[in-house]
Amino acid sequence: MHYRKLYNYGARFSQDKDFVRDCLQELFMELWERRARLSKVQHVKPYLLTALRHKMINESFKLKRFKQYEELPFLSDVTEKPIELAIIELELSWENAMRLKTIISGLTSRQQEIIYLRFYQGLEFVEITQIMDMERQSVANLLHRSLREIRDKWLAAEFPTTLLLFFLPFNYLIIRYLSKFL
């Protein structure tokens, strides 16, 4: 019942589809083998998502320990992008993450909670309504307002820079034109 959602969630962590399928298969096998010792779970989906995440992390650590000699990164052919581009992308990603974190911290506590539950925990509206003790439509409205506020703040922070870049060539031409007469 939850396989497709779990697979999609696992695909966020790894591009290797076989690795995700193997982790899911092993997770279900472990759950089946330990079914008599498992405690009752009220929310199955969040439990399975958490278990899959832990399984994928543990398996990826195991795989990194047993890499073959030829698979070591410094011995492979350099077909990746230059390190400078990777560093720039990493810095931009970090800056965007910090900017988003700042914007989210400016939201109300209810808005922060709904963003966390929906996007960081990956919960569905039904689960969020139970956790936050709200009606489904209220949850949808709160999430919509929160996302709109995040978008507006994000665009407001970008607008001055974008505006400056838009008018920069025009300003340069005006200054150049006026300098002929001065």
C-alpha atoms as a PDB file:
ATOM      1  CA  MET A   1       0.000   0.000   0.000  1.00  0.00           C
ATOM      2  CA  HIS A   2       2.841   2.432   0.816  1.00  0.00           C
ATOM      3  CA  TYR A   3       5.438   1.079  -1.604  1.00  0.00           C
ATOM      4  CA  ARG A   4       5.139   3.810  -4.280  1.00  0.00           C
ATOM      5  CA  LYS A   5       5.298   6.643  -1.713  1.00  0.00           C
ATOM      6  CA  LEU A   6       8.243   5.026   0.013  1.00  0.00           C
ATOM      7  CA  TYR A   7      10.024   4.486  -3.290  1.00  0.00           C
ATOM      8  CA  ASN A   8       9.513   8.142  -4.297  1.00  0.00           C
ATOM      9  CA  TYR A   9      10.767   9.260  -0.897  1.00  0.00           C
ATOM     10  CA  GLY A  10      13.836   7.046  -1.182  1.00  0.00           C
ATOM     11  CA  ALA A  11      14.527   8.352  -4.688  1.00  0.00           C
ATOM     12  CA  ARG A  12      15.079  11.789  -3.123  1.00  0.00           C
ATOM     13  CA  PHE A  13      18.101  10.437  -1.307  1.00  0.00           C
ATOM     14  CA  SER A  14      19.645   8.325  -4.042  1.00  0.00           C
ATOM     15  CA  GLN A  15      19.676   8.373  -7.830  1.00  0.00           C
ATOM     16  CA  ASP A  16      20.390   4.635  -7.844  1.00  0.00           C
ATOM     17  CA  LYS A  17      16.962   3.057  -8.355  1.00  0.00           C
ATOM     18  CA  ASP A  18      18.231  -0.441  -7.601  1.00  0.00           C
ATOM     19  CA  PHE A  19      19.696   0.733  -4.299  1.00  0.00           C
ATOM     20  CA  VAL A  20      16.332   2.241  -3.295  1.00  0.00           C
ATOM     21  CA  ARG A  21      14.476  -0.950  -4.280  1.00  0.00           C
ATOM     22  CA  ASP A  22      16.980  -3.100  -2.367  1.00  0.00           C
ATOM     23  CA  CYS A  23      16.641  -0.943   0.742  1.00  0.00           C
ATOM     24  CA  LEU A  24      12.852  -1.148   0.533  1.00  0.00           C
ATOM     25  CA  GLN A  25      12.952  -4.915   0.091  1.00  0.00           C
ATOM     26  CA  GLU A  26      15.318  -5.338   3.035  1.00  0.00           C
ATOM     27  CA  LEU A  27      13.200  -3.004   5.165  1.00  0.00           C
ATOM     28  CA  PHE A  28      10.049  -5.005   4.477  1.00  0.00           C
ATOM     29  CA  MET A  29      11.907  -8.264   5.131  1.00  0.00           C
ATOM     30  CA  GLU A  30      13.222  -6.965   8.463  1.00  0.00           C
ATOM     31  CA  LEU A  31       9.775  -5.738   9.466  1.00  0.00           C
ATOM     32  CA  TRP A  32       8.284  -9.112   8.553  1.00  0.00           C
ATOM     33  CA  GLU A  33      10.929 -11.010  10.503  1.00  0.00           C
ATOM     34  CA  ARG A  34      10.500  -8.770  13.572  1.00  0.00           C
ATOM     35  CA  ARG A  35       6.711  -8.419  13.324  1.00  0.00           C
ATOM     36  CA  ALA A  36       6.095 -10.242  16.614  1.00  0.00           C
ATOM     37  CA  ARG A  37       8.422  -7.892  18.532  1.00  0.00           C
ATOM     38  CA  LEU A  38       7.257  -4.613  16.975  1.00  0.00           C
ATOM     39  CA  SER A  39       5.067  -2.314  19.026  1.00  0.00           C
ATOM     40  CA  LYS A  40       1.770  -0.953  17.749  1.00  0.00           C
ATOM     41  CA  VAL A  41       2.156   2.106  15.522  1.00  0.00           C
ATOM     42  CA  GLN A  42      -0.617   4.691  15.146  1.00  0.00           C
ATOM     43  CA  HIS A  43       0.789   6.440  12.077  1.00  0.00           C
ATOM     44  CA  VAL A  44       2.196   3.809   9.755  1.00  0.00           C
ATOM     45  CA  LYS A  45       3.374   6.036   6.917  1.00  0.00           C
ATOM     46  CA  PRO A  46       5.638   8.323   8.996  1.00  0.00           C
ATOM     47  CA  TYR A  47       7.012   5.224  10.731  1.00  0.00           C
ATOM     48  CA  LEU A  48       7.840   3.587   7.390  1.00  0.00           C
ATOM     49  CA  LEU A  49       9.365   6.778   5.990  1.00  0.00           C
ATOM     50  CA  THR A  50      11.612   7.111   9.014  1.00  0.00           C
ATOM     51  CA  ALA A  51      12.585   3.440   8.888  1.00  0.00           C
ATOM     52  CA  LEU A  52      13.414   3.696   5.169  1.00  0.00           C
ATOM     53  CA  ARG A  53      15.512   6.802   5.735  1.00  0.00           C
ATOM     54  CA  HIS A  54      17.508   5.075   8.480  1.00  0.00           C
ATOM     55  CA  LYS A  55      17.866   1.950   6.348  1.00  0.00           C
ATOM     56  CA  MET A  56      19.201   3.927   3.384  1.00  0.00           C
ATOM     57  CA  ILE A  57      21.667   5.834   5.554  1.00  0.00           C
ATOM     58  CA  ASN A  58      22.973   2.651   7.169  1.00  0.00           C
ATOM     59  CA  GLU A  59      23.248   0.824   3.843  1.00  0.00           C
ATOM     60  CA  SER A  60      25.037   3.733   2.173  1.00  0.00           C
ATOM     61  CA  PHE A  61      27.605   3.765   4.991  1.00  0.00           C
ATOM     62  CA  LYS A  62      28.128   0.028   4.536  1.00  0.00           C
ATOM     63  CA  LEU A  63      28.573   0.438   0.789  1.00  0.00           C
ATOM     64  CA  LYS A  64      31.110   3.233   1.215  1.00  0.00           C
ATOM     65  CA  ARG A  65      33.240   1.004   3.430  1.00  0.00           C
ATOM     66  CA  PHE A  66      33.386  -1.735   0.806  1.00  0.00           C
ATOM     67  CA  LYS A  67      34.124   0.242  -2.365  1.00  0.00           C
ATOM     68  CA  GLN A  68      36.269  -1.476  -4.903  1.00  0.00           C
ATOM     69  CA  TYR A  69      39.748  -0.134  -5.616  1.00  0.00           C
ATOM     70  CA  GLU A  70      38.742   1.071  -9.097  1.00  0.00           C
ATOM     71  CA  GLU A  71      35.767   2.995  -7.697  1.00  0.00           C
ATOM     72  CA  LEU A  72      37.818   5.353  -5.554  1.00  0.00           C
ATOM     73  CA  PRO A  73      37.145   8.908  -6.745  1.00  0.00           C
ATOM     74  CA  PHE A  74      40.750  10.026  -7.097  1.00  0.00           C
ATOM     75  CA  LEU A  75      41.546   7.102  -9.394  1.00  0.00           C
ATOM     76  CA  SER A  76      38.599   7.475 -11.744  1.00  0.00           C
ATOM     77  CA  ASP A  77      38.594   9.488 -14.942  1.00  0.00           C
ATOM     78  CA  VAL A  78      37.795  13.134 -14.427  1.00  0.00           C
ATOM     79  CA  THR A  79      34.495  13.523 -16.242  1.00  0.00           C
ATOM     80  CA  GLU A  80      32.825  15.636 -13.601  1.00  0.00           C
ATOM     81  CA  LYS A  81      32.494  19.394 -13.661  1.00  0.00           C
ATOM     82  CA  PRO A  82      35.455  21.472 -12.499  1.00  0.00           C
ATOM     83  CA  ILE A  83      35.839  21.856  -8.757  1.00  0.00           C
ATOM     84  CA  GLU A  84      35.371  25.618  -9.005  1.00  0.00           C
ATOM     85  CA  LEU A  85      31.866  25.184 -10.446  1.00  0.00           C
ATOM     86  CA  ALA A  86      31.031  22.624  -7.790  1.00  0.00           C
ATOM     87  CA  ILE A  87      32.183  25.025  -5.056  1.00  0.00           C
ATOM     88  CA  ILE A  88      30.170  27.897  -6.543  1.00  0.00           C
ATOM     89  CA  GLU A  89      27.062  25.701  -6.778  1.00  0.00           C
ATOM     90  CA  LEU A  90      27.576  24.555  -3.205  1.00  0.00           C
ATOM     91  CA  GLU A  91      27.934  28.141  -1.973  1.00  0.00           C
ATOM     92  CA  LEU A  92      24.840  29.258  -3.888  1.00  0.00           C
ATOM     93  CA  SER A  93      22.912  26.305  -2.531  1.00  0.00           C
ATOM     94  CA  TRP A  94      24.054  27.145   1.002  1.00  0.00           C
ATOM     95  CA  GLU A  95      23.147  30.820   0.574  1.00  0.00           C
ATOM     96  CA  ASN A  96      19.697  29.890  -0.723  1.00  0.00           C
ATOM     97  CA  ALA A  97      19.206  27.473   2.170  1.00  0.00           C
ATOM     98  CA  MET A  98      20.194  30.146   4.699  1.00  0.00           C
ATOM     99  CA  ARG A  99      17.936  32.665   2.987  1.00  0.00           C
ATOM    100  CA  LEU A 100      15.026  30.213   3.076  1.00  0.00           C
ATOM    101  CA  LYS A 101      15.739  29.429   6.727  1.00  0.00           C
ATOM    102  CA  THR A 102      15.652  33.158   7.548  1.00  0.00           C
ATOM    103  CA  ILE A 103      12.379  33.625   5.676  1.00  0.00           C
ATOM    104  CA  ILE A 104      10.792  30.605   7.391  1.00  0.00           C
ATOM    105  CA  SER A 105      11.951  31.814  10.810  1.00  0.00           C
ATOM    106  CA  GLY A 106       9.988  35.019  10.140  1.00  0.00           C
ATOM    107  CA  LEU A 107       6.725  33.077   9.799  1.00  0.00           C
ATOM    108  CA  THR A 108       4.321  32.448  12.656  1.00  0.00           C
ATOM    109  CA  SER A 109       4.840  29.315  14.725  1.00  0.00           C
ATOM    110  CA  ARG A 110       1.795  27.626  13.127  1.00  0.00           C
ATOM    111  CA  GLN A 111       3.107  28.424   9.644  1.00  0.00           C
ATOM    112  CA  GLN A 112       6.537  27.070  10.573  1.00  0.00           C
ATOM    113  CA  GLU A 113       4.947  23.916  11.962  1.00  0.00           C
ATOM    114  CA  ILE A 114       2.898  23.252   8.836  1.00  0.00           C
ATOM    115  CA  ILE A 115       5.905  23.840   6.548  1.00  0.00           C
ATOM    116  CA  TYR A 116       7.948  21.448   8.678  1.00  0.00           C
ATOM    117  CA  LEU A 117       5.289  18.730   8.720  1.00  0.00           C
ATOM    118  CA  ARG A 118       4.467  18.970   5.027  1.00  0.00           C
ATOM    119  CA  PHE A 119       7.883  19.410   3.438  1.00  0.00           C
ATOM    120  CA  TYR A 120      10.460  18.252   5.958  1.00  0.00           C
ATOM    121  CA  GLN A 121       8.444  15.294   7.248  1.00  0.00           C
ATOM    122  CA  GLY A 122       6.575  14.654   3.998  1.00  0.00           C
ATOM    123  CA  LEU A 123       3.239  14.135   5.740  1.00  0.00           C
ATOM    124  CA  GLU A 124      -0.078  14.216   3.916  1.00  0.00           C
ATOM    125  CA  PHE A 125      -2.918  16.611   4.763  1.00  0.00           C
ATOM    126  CA  VAL A 126      -4.823  13.915   6.670  1.00  0.00           C
ATOM    127  CA  GLU A 127      -1.883  13.304   8.980  1.00  0.00           C
ATOM    128  CA  ILE A 128      -1.269  17.032   9.436  1.00  0.00           C
ATOM    129  CA  THR A 129      -4.913  17.596  10.365  1.00  0.00           C
ATOM    130  CA  GLN A 130      -4.580  14.989  13.113  1.00  0.00           C
ATOM    131  CA  ILE A 131      -1.319  16.375  14.426  1.00  0.00           C
ATOM    132  CA  MET A 132      -2.347  20.048  14.361  1.00  0.00           C
ATOM    133  CA  ASP A 133      -5.977  19.327  15.355  1.00  0.00           C
ATOM    134  CA  MET A 134      -7.382  21.389  12.477  1.00  0.00           C
ATOM    135  CA  GLU A 135      -9.861  20.839   9.653  1.00  0.00           C
ATOM    136  CA  ARG A 136      -8.463  19.777   6.289  1.00  0.00           C
ATOM    137  CA  GLN A 137      -9.496  23.027   4.570  1.00  0.00           C
ATOM    138  CA  SER A 138      -7.882  25.075   7.347  1.00  0.00           C
ATOM    139  CA  VAL A 139      -4.655  23.137   6.889  1.00  0.00           C
ATOM    140  CA  ALA A 140      -4.763  23.702   3.122  1.00  0.00           C
ATOM    141  CA  ASN A 141      -5.439  27.420   3.602  1.00  0.00           C
ATOM    142  CA  LEU A 142      -2.657  27.819   6.158  1.00  0.00           C
ATOM    143  CA  LEU A 143      -0.185  25.995   3.930  1.00  0.00           C
ATOM    144  CA  HIS A 144      -1.192  28.113   0.923  1.00  0.00           C
ATOM    145  CA  ARG A 145      -0.799  31.381   2.883  1.00  0.00           C
ATOM    146  CA  SER A 146       2.559  30.224   4.236  1.00  0.00           C
ATOM    147  CA  LEU A 147       3.904  29.333   0.801  1.00  0.00           C
ATOM    148  CA  ARG A 148       2.627  32.593  -0.674  1.00  0.00           C
ATOM    149  CA  GLU A 149       4.333  34.551   2.112  1.00  0.00           C
ATOM    150  CA  ILE A 150       7.601  32.664   1.556  1.00  0.00           C
ATOM    151  CA  ARG A 151       7.383  33.342  -2.192  1.00  0.00           C
ATOM    152  CA  ASP A 152       6.626  37.025  -1.686  1.00  0.00           C
ATOM    153  CA  LYS A 153       9.513  37.492   0.739  1.00  0.00           C
ATOM    154  CA  TRP A 154      11.859  35.576  -1.568  1.00  0.00           C
ATOM    155  CA  LEU A 155      10.913  37.706  -4.569  1.00  0.00           C
ATOM    156  CA  ALA A 156      11.041  40.927  -2.538  1.00  0.00           C
ATOM    157  CA  ALA A 157      14.622  40.156  -1.567  1.00  0.00           C
ATOM    158  CA  GLU A 158      15.543  39.472  -5.212  1.00  0.00           C
ATOM    159  CA  PHE A 159      13.729  42.454  -6.738  1.00  0.00           C
ATOM    160  CA  PRO A 160      16.268  45.222  -5.966  1.00  0.00           C
ATOM    161  CA  THR A 161      19.110  43.196  -7.478  1.00  0.00           C
ATOM    162  CA  THR A 162      17.034  42.268 -10.508  1.00  0.00           C
ATOM    163  CA  LEU A 163      15.914  45.860 -10.937  1.00  0.00           C
ATOM    164  CA  LEU A 164      19.490  47.114 -10.743  1.00  0.00           C
ATOM    165  CA  LEU A 165      20.620  44.590 -13.345  1.00  0.00           C
ATOM    166  CA  PHE A 166      17.732  45.576 -15.591  1.00  0.00           C
ATOM    167  CA  PHE A 167      18.525  49.289 -15.514  1.00  0.00           C
ATOM    168  CA  LEU A 168      22.324  48.971 -15.405  1.00  0.00           C
ATOM    169  CA  PRO A 169      22.857  49.032 -19.199  1.00  0.00           C
ATOM    170  CA  PHE A 170      20.420  51.931 -19.515  1.00  0.00           C
ATOM    171  CA  ASN A 171      22.149  53.896 -16.716  1.00  0.00           C
ATOM    172  CA  TYR A 172      25.516  53.250 -18.317  1.00  0.00           C
ATOM    173  CA  LEU A 173      24.288  54.675 -21.633  1.00  0.00           C
ATOM    174  CA  ILE A 174      22.843  57.783 -19.964  1.00  0.00           C
ATOM    175  CA  ILE A 175      26.064  58.454 -18.055  1.00  0.00           C
ATOM    176  CA  ARG A 176      28.109  57.941 -21.186  1.00  0.00           C
ATOM    177  CA  TYR A 177      25.849  60.246 -23.182  1.00  0.00           C
ATOM    178  CA  LEU A 178      25.911  62.976 -20.506  1.00  0.00           C
ATOM    179  CA  SER A 179      29.680  62.754 -20.086  1.00  0.00           C
ATOM    180  CA  LYS A 180      30.085  64.041 -23.662  1.00  0.00           C
ATOM    181  CA  PHE A 181      28.502  67.322 -22.671  1.00  0.00           C
ATOM    182  CA  LEU A 182      30.244  67.770 -19.325  1.00  0.00           C
END
